[in-house]
C-alpha cells in the first residue's frame, strides 16, 4: 500500500512551514509512531532547529560535483530504515547532477511507493501551472517547479499562513534571514504588494485542493446518475514558439479546475520530425515532453492545413475547448487569415481560448 503525502504549503520563506511540520513530527513521536527526518534545512533558524530535538535524522548522502562535495537526502538509507513517517523539507529541490533522480519530489515518490508516509514543505510559487503568474507578480522566473499532478496526489494540503506584515516583522527581527540578507530580501522579493499577491495565490490554491478532495469523496446524486454533465475535453495547440510553454501551463490549470481530459496536439506536414530544422524540432520535442511531464496526453498529427487538422481532431475527440497562442506579429500573413482566425471560423460551437504571452510589468 502506498504511503500518504501531506504538504505544508506557504507563499514565502519564513511563514513557518518547516516549523509546523516538525511540530506534527514531534506529536507523532509522542504517540509512539516511528518517525524520522529524511532531510531538514535549518537556515540557522533557532526556533525551528529546536523542534528537531529528539527526532532521529537519517544521515545525508554526499555527492561529488565538479570537485565539490554536496549533501543530498539519502533515499536508499531511508528505504533501508523503513520508518512509518519521514519528514522531508524543501519538496521542489533540484538534486545535484549525478544523483539517481533529478528532483526531490521524485525521491519522495519512491518513499511513498515503499509505503512510507511523508510530510513535506513547499511554496506556492513552485507549482508549475502558476509559473507565469508568479513571474508577472515578482519578476522572477522560478526554475524549480513541481507538476500539478504531484500536488493533486497529496492526501492533504495544509496552508501555513501569516499576514505579509507579520512576515515582514519576522524578517526585520532577523528570524528568517541574517540582517544583511533580510535587507536585500525586503528590497526585492519581500515587498508587501508582492507578498500579498503570492498569499492570495496560495489561499486560492489551497481552497482548490480542498474543493477537489471533497468533490472526489462525494458520491454522485440521483440527478447526476440520471443526467451526467458533458465531459469537458481540452486541446492545447503545441508549436515551436516559446510562448507554447505558457499556453500548456494555462491549459493544464484550466483542465485541472474543470476535471477535464486534456490533449497537447502538434500539427506537422511530415510526420518525420527529423526533416524539420533542428531548432524547430528541438523546440517541439521540448514542449511535447513538458506536456507529458504534466500528465497531458500528446499527439503528433500530419496535415498541411493546421487549422483544419486541429478542428478535425477536436470533432473526432469531442473537444469542448481549444487553447491557442496569440500569434507573433512577425509571423502574421500580409493577406488572408492566420491560424487563430481560421480555427475560430471552422470550430463552430467549440469554445476557443486565445492566450496572449504574459509580460512582466
Protein backbone atom coordinates (compact mmCIF):
# COMPACT_ATOMS: atom_id res chain seq x y z
CA UNK A 1 0.00 0.00 0.00
CA UNK A 2 1.32 3.45 -0.92
CA UNK A 3 2.28 5.91 1.77
CA UNK A 4 0.31 9.11 2.39
CA UNK A 5 1.64 12.52 1.37
CA UNK A 6 0.98 15.67 3.38
CA UNK A 7 2.18 19.02 2.03
CA UNK A 8 2.68 22.11 4.16
CA UNK A 9 2.13 24.96 1.70
CA UNK A 10 3.27 28.56 2.10
CA UNK A 11 3.73 31.66 -0.02
CA UNK A 12 7.26 32.69 1.04
CA UNK A 13 10.21 31.66 3.17
CA UNK A 14 9.66 32.27 6.87
CA UNK A 15 5.90 31.70 7.15
CA UNK A 16 6.50 28.65 9.37
CA UNK A 17 6.04 25.61 7.10
CA UNK A 18 9.02 23.63 8.40
CA UNK A 19 8.28 24.60 11.99
CA UNK A 20 4.71 23.30 11.81
CA UNK A 21 5.83 20.14 10.01
CA UNK A 22 8.27 19.42 12.86
CA UNK A 23 5.58 20.17 15.45
CA UNK A 24 3.49 17.41 13.85
CA UNK A 25 6.50 15.08 13.72
CA UNK A 26 7.07 15.57 17.46
CA UNK A 27 3.41 14.84 18.15
CA UNK A 28 3.58 11.65 16.08
CA UNK A 29 6.62 10.54 18.05
CA UNK A 30 4.76 11.17 21.33
CA UNK A 31 2.01 8.89 20.01
CA UNK A 32 4.55 6.11 19.54
CA UNK A 33 4.74 6.38 15.73
CA UNK A 34 8.11 5.65 14.14
CA UNK A 35 9.11 8.96 12.53
CA UNK A 36 12.46 10.11 11.14
CA UNK A 37 13.82 13.22 9.45
CA UNK A 38 14.93 12.39 5.93
CA UNK A 39 16.01 15.92 5.09
CA UNK A 40 15.95 19.15 7.07
CA UNK A 41 17.25 22.58 6.03
CA UNK A 42 17.80 24.65 9.21
CA UNK A 43 18.56 28.06 7.62
CA UNK A 44 20.07 28.98 11.01
CA UNK A 45 16.56 29.45 12.48
CA UNK A 46 16.91 28.67 16.17
CA UNK A 47 13.24 28.02 16.95
CA UNK A 48 12.93 25.60 14.04
CA UNK A 49 16.15 23.77 14.90
CA UNK A 50 14.90 23.25 18.46
CA UNK A 51 11.89 21.36 17.07
CA UNK A 52 14.19 18.64 15.72
CA UNK A 53 15.45 17.66 19.19
CA UNK A 54 14.77 14.01 19.95
CA UNK A 55 13.87 13.16 16.35
CA UNK A 56 16.05 10.65 14.53
CA UNK A 57 17.83 12.07 11.46
CA UNK A 58 18.89 9.85 8.60
CA UNK A 59 22.42 10.95 7.58
CA UNK A 60 22.65 12.73 4.24
CA UNK A 61 24.39 11.28 1.22
CA UNK A 62 27.48 13.05 -0.16
CA UNK A 63 27.55 13.71 -3.91
CA UNK A 64 30.67 14.95 -5.70
CA UNK A 65 30.11 17.50 -8.44
CA UNK A 66 32.89 19.48 -10.10
CA UNK A 67 35.35 18.50 -7.37
CA UNK A 68 33.00 19.78 -4.64
CA UNK A 69 31.09 17.64 -2.13
CA UNK A 70 27.37 18.34 -1.77
CA UNK A 71 24.83 16.72 0.56
CA UNK A 72 21.51 15.30 -0.59
CA UNK A 73 18.75 13.25 1.01
CA UNK A 74 19.77 9.57 1.16
CA UNK A 75 16.66 7.90 -0.21
CA UNK A 76 18.19 4.40 -0.15
CA UNK A 77 19.13 4.78 3.53
CA UNK A 78 15.57 5.84 4.37
CA UNK A 79 14.22 2.80 2.49
CA UNK A 80 16.53 0.52 4.48
CA UNK A 81 15.46 2.20 7.74
CA UNK A 82 11.77 1.99 6.63
CA UNK A 83 10.10 4.31 9.15
CA UNK A 84 6.35 4.77 9.30
CA UNK A 85 6.71 8.51 8.61
CA UNK A 86 9.52 10.52 7.02
CA UNK A 87 9.94 14.32 7.24
CA UNK A 88 11.30 15.83 4.02
CA UNK A 89 11.98 19.57 3.80
CA UNK A 90 12.01 21.58 0.52
CA UNK A 91 9.93 19.33 -1.74
CA UNK A 92 10.75 21.21 -5.03
CA UNK A 93 14.54 20.96 -4.59
CA UNK A 94 16.65 20.02 -7.63
CA UNK A 95 19.22 17.35 -6.80
CA UNK A 96 22.89 17.71 -7.66
CA UNK A 97 23.81 16.25 -11.09
CA UNK A 98 24.89 12.67 -10.62
CA UNK A 99 22.04 11.89 -8.23
CA UNK A 100 19.84 8.90 -9.08
CA UNK A 101 16.83 11.18 -9.55
CA UNK A 102 16.84 14.81 -10.64
CA UNK A 103 14.17 16.13 -8.23
CA UNK A 104 13.46 15.64 -4.55
CA UNK A 105 9.76 15.15 -5.27
CA UNK A 106 10.81 12.10 -7.31
CA UNK A 107 12.73 10.79 -4.28
CA UNK A 108 9.59 11.30 -2.21
CA UNK A 109 7.60 9.33 -4.76
CA UNK A 110 9.96 6.38 -4.17
CA UNK A 111 9.33 6.61 -0.42
CA UNK A 112 5.56 6.73 -0.95
CA UNK A 113 5.71 3.71 -3.27
CA UNK A 114 7.50 1.85 -0.46
CA UNK A 115 4.59 2.52 1.90
CA UNK A 116 6.27 5.32 3.88
CA UNK A 117 4.13 8.35 4.82
CA UNK A 118 5.80 11.68 4.02
CA UNK A 119 5.43 15.17 5.49
CA UNK A 120 6.94 17.85 3.26
CA UNK A 121 7.06 21.60 2.57
CA UNK A 122 6.83 23.88 -0.46
CA UNK A 123 5.80 27.40 -1.51
CA UNK A 124 3.01 28.05 -3.98
CA UNK A 125 5.35 29.74 -6.48
CA UNK A 126 6.92 26.35 -7.20
CA UNK A 127 3.69 24.95 -8.69
CA UNK A 128 4.24 24.56 -12.43
CA UNK A 129 0.90 25.94 -13.65
CA UNK A 130 1.45 29.19 -11.70
CA UNK A 131 4.91 29.84 -13.14
CA UNK A 132 3.82 32.62 -15.48
CA UNK A 133 1.63 34.35 -12.89
CA UNK A 134 4.45 34.27 -10.35
CA UNK A 135 6.87 35.73 -12.90
CA UNK A 136 4.42 38.52 -13.65
CA UNK A 137 4.00 39.28 -9.93
CA UNK A 138 7.62 39.04 -8.86
CA UNK A 139 9.74 39.50 -11.97
CA UNK A 140 11.49 36.25 -11.03
CA UNK A 141 11.22 33.13 -13.16
CA UNK A 142 11.07 30.19 -10.73
CA UNK A 143 13.21 27.35 -12.09
CA UNK A 144 12.43 24.66 -9.52
CA UNK A 145 8.83 23.61 -10.17
CA UNK A 146 6.55 20.71 -9.32
CA UNK A 147 3.97 19.35 -11.80
CA UNK A 148 0.42 19.99 -10.62
CA UNK A 149 -0.39 16.26 -10.66
CA UNK A 150 2.14 15.73 -7.88
CA UNK A 151 0.23 18.09 -5.59
CA UNK A 152 -3.07 16.57 -6.70
CA UNK A 153 -1.96 13.15 -5.46
CA UNK A 154 -1.27 14.53 -1.96
CA UNK A 155 -3.68 13.20 0.65
CA UNK A 156 -3.64 16.52 2.48
CA UNK A 157 -2.51 20.09 1.71
CA UNK A 158 -2.27 22.46 4.68
CA UNK A 159 -1.56 26.15 4.17
CA UNK A 160 0.66 27.79 6.78
CA UNK A 161 -0.44 31.40 6.79
CA UNK A 162 0.76 34.64 8.32
CA UNK A 163 -0.06 38.12 7.10
CA UNK A 164 2.55 39.84 4.90
CA UNK A 165 3.02 42.48 7.60
CA UNK A 166 3.73 39.80 10.21
CA UNK A 167 6.19 38.09 7.85
CA UNK A 168 8.00 41.38 7.25
CA UNK A 169 8.21 41.87 11.02
CA UNK A 170 9.86 38.46 11.29
CA UNK A 171 12.28 39.48 8.57
CA UNK A 172 13.13 42.75 10.31
CA UNK A 173 13.75 40.90 13.60
CA UNK A 174 16.22 38.53 11.91
CA UNK A 175 14.04 35.46 12.44
CA UNK A 176 14.05 34.48 8.74
CA UNK A 177 17.45 35.63 7.43
CA UNK A 178 20.59 37.33 8.69
CA UNK A 179 20.25 41.15 8.86
CA UNK A 180 22.18 41.80 5.63
CA UNK A 181 20.28 39.13 3.67
CA UNK A 182 16.99 40.36 5.17
CA UNK A 183 17.62 43.90 3.92
CA UNK A 184 18.29 42.66 0.40
CA UNK A 185 15.17 40.48 0.55
CA UNK A 186 12.95 43.41 1.57
CA UNK A 187 14.32 45.46 -1.33
CA UNK A 188 13.44 42.73 -3.81
CA UNK A 189 11.15 39.71 -3.35
CA UNK A 190 9.86 40.57 0.15
CA UNK A 191 7.89 43.69 -0.76
CA UNK A 192 4.44 43.87 0.78
CA UNK A 193 2.45 44.09 -2.52
CA UNK A 194 4.35 41.06 -3.85
CA UNK A 195 3.74 39.08 -0.66
CA UNK A 196 0.03 39.97 -0.71
CA UNK A 197 -0.32 38.70 -4.28
CA UNK A 198 1.55 35.47 -3.52
CA UNK A 199 -0.52 34.91 -0.40
CA UNK A 200 -3.70 35.27 -2.46
CA UNK A 201 -2.39 32.66 -4.91
CA UNK A 202 -1.66 30.29 -2.03
CA UNK A 203 -5.10 30.79 -0.48
CA UNK A 204 -6.81 30.15 -3.82
CA UNK A 205 -4.71 27.06 -4.48
CA UNK A 206 -5.43 25.64 -1.03
CA UNK A 207 -9.15 26.26 -1.48
CA UNK A 208 -9.00 24.49 -4.84
CA UNK A 209 -7.20 21.50 -3.33
CA UNK A 210 -9.78 21.25 -0.54
CA UNK A 211 -12.68 21.51 -3.01
CA UNK A 212 -11.14 18.86 -5.28
CA UNK A 213 -10.72 16.41 -2.41
CA UNK A 214 -14.28 16.99 -1.17
CA UNK A 215 -15.64 16.52 -4.69
CA UNK A 216 -13.72 13.26 -5.08
CA UNK A 217 -15.15 11.98 -1.82
CA UNK A 218 -18.80 12.80 -2.52
CA UNK A 219 -20.99 10.09 -4.04
CA UNK A 220 -22.97 11.15 -7.14
CA UNK A 221 -26.56 12.25 -6.61
CA UNK A 222 -29.56 10.62 -8.29
CA UNK A 223 -29.75 13.56 -10.71
CA UNK A 224 -26.10 13.08 -11.65
CA UNK A 225 -26.74 9.39 -12.30
CA UNK A 226 -29.76 10.22 -14.43
CA UNK A 227 -28.26 13.08 -16.47
CA UNK A 228 -24.48 13.20 -16.34
CA UNK A 229 -22.93 16.50 -17.34
CA UNK A 230 -21.00 16.73 -20.59
CA UNK A 231 -17.37 15.75 -20.06
CA UNK A 232 -15.08 18.72 -20.70
CA UNK A 233 -12.18 17.99 -23.06
CA UNK A 234 -9.40 20.49 -23.77
CA UNK A 235 -7.00 20.71 -26.70
CA UNK A 236 -3.76 22.71 -26.47
CA UNK A 237 -2.07 23.60 -29.75
CA UNK A 238 1.67 22.92 -29.49
CA UNK A 239 4.13 24.76 -31.75
CA UNK A 240 7.83 25.60 -31.64
CA UNK A 241 7.07 29.13 -30.46
CA UNK A 242 8.46 29.88 -26.96
CA UNK A 243 5.01 31.05 -25.81
CA UNK A 244 3.81 27.42 -26.04
CA UNK A 245 5.15 26.61 -22.55
CA UNK A 246 2.90 29.28 -21.00
CA UNK A 247 -0.02 28.06 -23.13
CA UNK A 248 0.47 24.50 -21.85
CA UNK A 249 0.58 25.70 -18.24
CA UNK A 250 -2.62 27.75 -18.68
CA UNK A 251 -4.49 24.97 -20.45
CA UNK A 252 -3.47 22.35 -17.90
CA UNK A 253 -4.52 24.57 -15.00
CA UNK A 254 -7.96 25.11 -16.53
CA UNK A 255 -8.27 21.38 -17.23
CA UNK A 256 -7.48 20.59 -13.60
CA UNK A 257 -10.09 23.07 -12.35
CA UNK A 258 -12.70 21.60 -14.68
CA UNK A 259 -11.67 17.99 -14.08
CA UNK A 260 -11.28 17.77 -17.85
CA UNK A 261 -9.35 15.50 -20.16
CA UNK A 262 -6.50 17.33 -21.86
CA UNK A 263 -4.60 16.85 -25.12
CA UNK A 264 -1.48 18.63 -26.36
CA UNK A 265 -1.52 18.45 -30.15
CA UNK A 266 1.14 19.36 -32.70
CA UNK A 267 0.46 19.53 -36.45
CA UNK A 268 3.29 18.83 -38.92
CA UNK A 269 3.16 18.46 -42.67
CA UNK A 270 5.56 15.49 -42.46
CA UNK A 271 5.26 13.08 -39.51
CA UNK A 272 9.05 12.53 -39.61
CA UNK A 273 10.23 15.41 -37.41
CA UNK A 274 13.84 14.64 -38.33
CA UNK A 275 13.20 16.53 -41.57
CA UNK A 276 12.41 19.73 -39.65
CA UNK A 277 15.07 22.36 -39.00
CA UNK A 278 16.93 21.31 -35.85
CA UNK A 279 15.89 24.38 -33.82
CA UNK A 280 12.19 23.84 -34.64
CA UNK A 281 12.41 20.08 -33.98
CA UNK A 282 14.14 20.59 -30.63
CA UNK A 283 11.57 23.20 -29.55
CA UNK A 284 8.64 20.95 -30.47
CA UNK A 285 10.12 17.99 -28.60
CA UNK A 286 10.83 20.19 -25.59
CA UNK A 287 7.21 21.37 -25.46
CA UNK A 288 5.75 17.90 -26.03
CA UNK A 289 7.95 16.45 -23.27
CA UNK A 290 6.92 19.32 -20.99
CA UNK A 291 3.26 18.42 -21.61
CA UNK A 292 3.95 14.73 -20.93
CA UNK A 293 5.64 15.59 -17.65
CA UNK A 294 2.42 17.37 -16.64
CA UNK A 295 0.47 14.16 -17.48
CA UNK A 296 -1.09 15.63 -20.62
CA UNK A 297 -1.75 13.20 -23.47
CA UNK A 298 0.24 14.30 -26.54
CA UNK A 299 -0.45 13.72 -30.23
CA UNK A 300 1.53 14.47 -33.37
CA UNK A 301 -0.84 14.99 -36.32
CA UNK A 302 0.02 15.05 -40.01
CA UNK A 303 -1.57 17.77 -42.11
CA UNK A 304 -0.79 20.66 -44.43
CA UNK A 305 -3.68 22.82 -43.19
CA UNK A 306 -3.06 23.37 -39.45
CA UNK A 307 -6.47 24.82 -38.59
CA UNK A 308 -8.43 22.15 -40.46
CA UNK A 309 -6.34 19.34 -38.93
CA UNK A 310 -6.81 20.71 -35.40
CA UNK A 311 -10.57 21.15 -35.76
CA UNK A 312 -10.99 17.71 -37.33
CA UNK A 313 -9.15 16.16 -34.37
CA UNK A 314 -11.28 18.24 -32.00
CA UNK A 315 -14.51 16.96 -33.57
CA UNK A 316 -13.35 13.33 -33.51
CA UNK A 317 -12.40 13.55 -29.82
CA UNK A 318 -15.39 15.65 -28.69
CA UNK A 319 -13.17 18.58 -27.63
CA UNK A 320 -15.09 21.34 -25.87
CA UNK A 321 -12.34 23.97 -25.68
CA UNK A 322 -9.28 24.72 -27.83
CA UNK A 323 -6.32 26.70 -26.44
CA UNK A 324 -4.29 28.70 -28.95
CA UNK A 325 -1.40 31.11 -28.51
CA UNK A 326 -1.86 34.68 -29.71
CA UNK A 327 0.19 34.83 -32.93
CA UNK A 328 3.52 36.63 -33.00
CA UNK A 329 3.03 39.81 -35.10
CA UNK A 330 6.14 38.94 -37.11
CA UNK A 331 4.53 35.68 -38.23
CA UNK A 332 1.18 37.15 -39.34
CA UNK A 333 0.36 36.86 -43.05
CA UNK A 334 0.05 40.02 -45.12
CA UNK A 335 -3.15 38.70 -46.67
CA UNK A 336 -5.67 36.10 -45.58
CA UNK A 337 -6.34 34.64 -42.15
CA UNK A 338 -3.84 33.45 -39.54
CA UNK A 339 -4.24 30.09 -37.77
CA UNK A 340 -6.26 31.56 -34.88
CA UNK A 341 -8.76 33.18 -37.24
CA UNK A 342 -9.04 30.00 -39.31
CA UNK A 343 -9.69 27.84 -36.23
CA UNK A 344 -12.35 30.29 -34.98
CA UNK A 345 -14.07 30.18 -38.39
CA UNK A 346 -14.05 26.36 -38.52
CA UNK A 347 -14.70 25.50 -34.87
CA UNK A 348 -18.40 26.30 -34.73
CA UNK A 349 -19.67 25.53 -31.20
CA UNK A 350 -16.22 24.63 -29.81
CA UNK A 351 -15.02 27.26 -27.35
CA UNK A 352 -11.76 28.95 -28.39
CA UNK A 353 -9.38 30.44 -25.80
CA UNK A 354 -6.60 32.61 -27.22
CA UNK A 355 -3.80 33.18 -24.73
CA UNK A 356 -1.53 36.20 -25.10
CA UNK A 357 2.04 35.93 -23.82
CA UNK A 358 2.36 37.38 -20.33
CA UNK A 359 4.81 40.22 -19.86
CA UNK A 360 6.28 41.34 -16.58
CA UNK A 361 5.26 44.87 -15.63
